[in-house]
Amino acid sequence: MAEATKEPVTVRAGDTISWTKSLADYSATDGWALAYAFRGNSSTIDVTSTASGADHAVNIAPATSTAFDPGTYEVQGYVEKAGDRHTVYVGRIEVLPDLAAQGASYDGRSHVKKVLDAIEAVLENRATKEIEESTIEGVQIKRIPHEQLIAMRSKYLSWHNQELAAERLGRGEATGRTILTRFQ
């Protein structure tokens, strides 16, 4: 596999993560040191590079990346030399979970998919029930109106479809959406 020459967009905890950064103005041979600060999910990840000729090589061992908490991190890359510091990268990197280390209870669904599934379960359970409100021993029970559940389902289904389209696009596949054009 070819060596990555820029920061990754996604990484997987437990994997070897590596890339090489070429910075003409901040060469490693001129004494510049490249470092990255990952912040997010109440976690702090700091990564330093090593010199590889004039370039900066970043190599994170599996033993280190195993401890990365899954989620999206804000990332800042910066170079330092003799008290001077310059930011050379700002972006986001998503850390995916190490599936090999997950137990049987792992649920990889997104928040949107979990809520959509819950709404659909309520709708399915309620399909045969007509009572929307009742009182038992002085305790009043109200259920979310059916129309409101349908509206919530519609919103979450739309968001879920956006997630699926983004996943397909990330894999280089068609999003499944139709693009219409008109020429005049």
Protein backbone atom coordinates (compact mmCIF):
# COMPACT_ATOMS: atom_id res chain seq x y z
CA MET A 1 0.00 0.00 0.00
CA ALA A 2 1.27 3.49 -0.85
CA GLU A 3 2.28 5.72 2.01
CA ALA A 4 -0.25 8.44 2.83
CA THR A 5 1.01 11.96 2.20
CA LYS A 6 -1.69 13.85 4.03
CA GLU A 7 -3.70 13.60 7.22
CA PRO A 8 -6.36 10.87 7.17
CA VAL A 9 -10.06 11.68 7.40
CA THR A 10 -10.86 8.51 9.33
CA VAL A 11 -8.72 6.09 11.33
CA ARG A 12 -9.55 2.93 13.25
CA ALA A 13 -8.50 2.44 16.86
CA GLY A 14 -6.10 -0.49 17.13
CA ASP A 15 -4.62 0.03 13.65
CA THR A 16 -1.23 1.37 12.63
CA ILE A 17 -1.82 4.97 11.56
CA SER A 18 0.85 6.66 9.47
CA TRP A 19 1.40 9.46 7.00
CA THR A 20 4.23 11.68 5.81
CA LYS A 21 3.92 15.46 5.64
CA SER A 22 6.14 17.53 3.34
CA LEU A 23 6.43 21.16 4.39
CA ALA A 24 8.82 23.11 2.15
CA ASP A 25 8.87 26.12 4.50
CA TYR A 26 9.25 24.00 7.65
CA SER A 27 11.67 21.25 6.69
CA ALA A 28 12.67 18.66 9.27
CA THR A 29 16.30 19.09 8.16
CA ASP A 30 16.03 22.77 9.18
CA GLY A 31 15.09 21.69 12.72
CA TRP A 32 11.31 22.06 12.54
CA ALA A 33 9.31 19.51 14.57
CA LEU A 34 5.73 18.63 13.56
CA ALA A 35 3.10 17.73 16.17
CA TYR A 36 -0.65 17.16 16.19
CA ALA A 37 -3.21 17.84 18.92
CA PHE A 38 -6.46 15.84 18.74
CA ARG A 39 -9.27 17.15 20.97
CA GLY A 40 -12.78 15.75 21.37
CA ASN A 41 -14.93 13.23 23.23
CA SER A 42 -13.39 14.47 26.48
CA SER A 43 -10.13 12.98 25.19
CA THR A 44 -6.70 14.39 24.50
CA ILE A 45 -4.40 12.81 21.93
CA ASP A 46 -1.01 14.34 21.19
CA VAL A 47 1.12 12.97 18.37
CA THR A 48 4.65 13.93 17.35
CA SER A 49 6.40 13.17 14.10
CA THR A 50 9.92 12.01 13.38
CA ALA A 51 12.21 13.37 10.70
CA SER A 52 12.30 11.44 7.45
CA GLY A 53 14.82 13.40 5.44
CA ALA A 54 13.24 16.82 4.95
CA ASP A 55 9.73 15.40 5.58
CA HIS A 56 7.86 14.71 8.81
CA ALA A 57 6.77 11.09 9.34
CA VAL A 58 3.86 10.37 11.66
CA ASN A 59 3.56 6.79 12.87
CA ILE A 60 1.09 5.74 15.55
CA ALA A 61 1.51 2.14 16.72
CA PRO A 62 -1.49 -0.14 17.29
CA ALA A 63 -0.65 -0.30 21.01
CA THR A 64 -1.18 3.49 21.15
CA SER A 65 -4.20 3.80 18.84
CA THR A 66 -6.04 1.06 20.77
CA ALA A 67 -6.59 3.62 23.55
CA PHE A 68 -8.23 6.16 21.19
CA ASP A 69 -11.89 6.71 22.06
CA PRO A 70 -14.15 6.53 18.98
CA GLY A 71 -15.62 9.81 17.78
CA THR A 72 -14.82 12.96 15.85
CA TYR A 73 -11.82 15.00 16.91
CA GLU A 74 -10.79 18.54 16.07
CA VAL A 75 -7.16 18.33 14.97
CA GLN A 76 -4.46 20.97 14.82
CA GLY A 77 -1.08 20.27 13.26
CA TYR A 78 1.72 22.65 14.08
CA VAL A 79 5.47 22.99 13.67
CA GLU A 80 7.87 24.30 16.31
CA LYS A 81 11.50 25.39 16.33
CA ALA A 82 13.39 27.47 18.89
CA GLY A 83 10.26 28.92 20.49
CA ASP A 84 8.63 29.69 17.12
CA ARG A 85 5.35 27.96 16.29
CA HIS A 86 3.14 27.86 13.16
CA THR A 87 -0.14 26.03 12.52
CA VAL A 88 0.09 23.96 9.31
CA TYR A 89 -3.12 21.91 9.52
CA VAL A 90 -6.61 22.30 10.98
CA GLY A 91 -9.31 19.73 10.39
CA ARG A 92 -11.35 16.87 11.76
CA ILE A 93 -10.48 13.22 12.02
CA GLU A 94 -12.98 10.51 12.90
CA VAL A 95 -11.71 7.65 15.04
CA LEU A 96 -13.70 4.48 14.37
CA PRO A 97 -13.94 1.74 17.02
CA ASP A 98 -11.77 -1.36 16.93
CA LEU A 99 -14.45 -3.92 16.06
CA ALA A 100 -12.15 -6.81 16.97
CA ALA A 101 -12.11 -5.53 20.56
CA GLN A 102 -15.88 -4.98 20.83
CA GLY A 103 -18.11 -7.40 22.70
CA ALA A 104 -21.36 -8.98 21.60
CA SER A 105 -23.33 -6.00 22.91
CA TYR A 106 -21.70 -3.58 20.41
CA ASP A 107 -24.29 -1.47 18.61
CA GLY A 108 -22.80 0.34 15.63
CA ARG A 109 -25.97 2.20 14.71
CA SER A 110 -25.82 5.98 14.69
CA HIS A 111 -27.92 8.01 17.12
CA VAL A 112 -30.29 8.88 14.27
CA LYS A 113 -30.76 5.21 13.34
CA LYS A 114 -31.37 4.21 16.98
CA VAL A 115 -34.06 6.88 17.39
CA LEU A 116 -35.64 5.98 14.02
CA ASP A 117 -35.79 2.31 15.05
CA ALA A 118 -37.36 3.25 18.41
CA ILE A 119 -40.02 5.43 16.75
CA GLU A 120 -40.83 2.67 14.28
CA ALA A 121 -41.10 0.14 17.12
CA VAL A 122 -43.59 2.40 18.94
CA LEU A 123 -45.61 2.84 15.74
CA GLU A 124 -45.64 -0.90 15.11
CA ASN A 125 -46.62 -1.66 18.71
CA ARG A 126 -49.38 0.94 18.56
CA ALA A 127 -50.83 -0.14 15.24
CA THR A 128 -53.49 -2.19 17.01
CA LYS A 129 -54.12 0.16 19.95
CA GLU A 130 -56.80 2.80 19.77
CA ILE A 131 -56.42 4.40 23.20
CA GLU A 132 -54.26 7.51 23.20
CA GLU A 133 -55.05 8.63 26.73
CA SER A 134 -56.24 6.79 29.85
CA THR A 135 -56.47 7.11 33.61
CA ILE A 136 -55.59 4.23 35.92
CA GLU A 137 -56.11 4.69 39.68
CA GLY A 138 -55.94 8.45 39.31
CA VAL A 139 -52.78 8.40 37.20
CA GLN A 140 -53.28 9.89 33.77
CA ILE A 141 -51.29 8.35 30.92
CA LYS A 142 -50.90 10.19 27.62
CA ARG A 143 -49.20 8.82 24.58
CA ILE A 144 -47.56 10.85 21.84
CA PRO A 145 -50.22 11.39 19.18
CA HIS A 146 -49.90 9.14 16.15
CA GLU A 147 -49.55 12.12 13.79
CA GLN A 148 -46.64 13.47 15.83
CA LEU A 149 -44.89 10.09 15.74
CA ILE A 150 -45.34 9.96 11.95
CA ALA A 151 -43.83 13.47 11.65
CA MET A 152 -40.89 12.49 13.90
CA ARG A 153 -40.35 9.34 11.85
CA SER A 154 -40.31 11.37 8.66
CA LYS A 155 -37.62 13.73 10.03
CA TYR A 156 -35.43 10.90 11.35
CA LEU A 157 -35.86 8.88 8.16
CA SER A 158 -34.69 11.90 6.15
CA TRP A 159 -31.64 12.32 8.42
CA HIS A 160 -30.90 8.58 8.20
CA ASN A 161 -31.09 8.71 4.41
CA GLN A 162 -28.61 11.61 4.47
CA GLU A 163 -26.24 9.48 6.59
CA LEU A 164 -26.55 6.57 4.15
CA ALA A 165 -25.91 8.88 1.18
CA ALA A 166 -22.81 10.29 2.90
CA GLU A 167 -21.54 6.75 3.60
CA ARG A 168 -22.05 5.74 -0.04
CA LEU A 169 -20.33 8.91 -1.23
CA GLY A 170 -17.42 8.18 1.13
CA ARG A 171 -17.03 4.76 -0.51
CA GLY A 172 -17.07 6.38 -3.96
CA GLU A 173 -20.53 5.04 -4.80
CA ALA A 174 -23.57 6.86 -6.14
CA THR A 175 -25.64 8.50 -3.41
CA GLY A 176 -28.92 7.18 -4.76
CA ARG A 177 -30.23 10.69 -5.27
CA THR A 178 -31.44 11.91 -8.63
CA ILE A 179 -30.01 15.13 -9.97
CA LEU A 180 -32.27 16.88 -12.45
CA THR A 181 -31.06 19.49 -14.93
CA ARG A 182 -32.76 21.59 -17.50
CA PHE A 183 -31.11 23.20 -20.50
CA GLN A 184 -32.64 26.21 -22.16
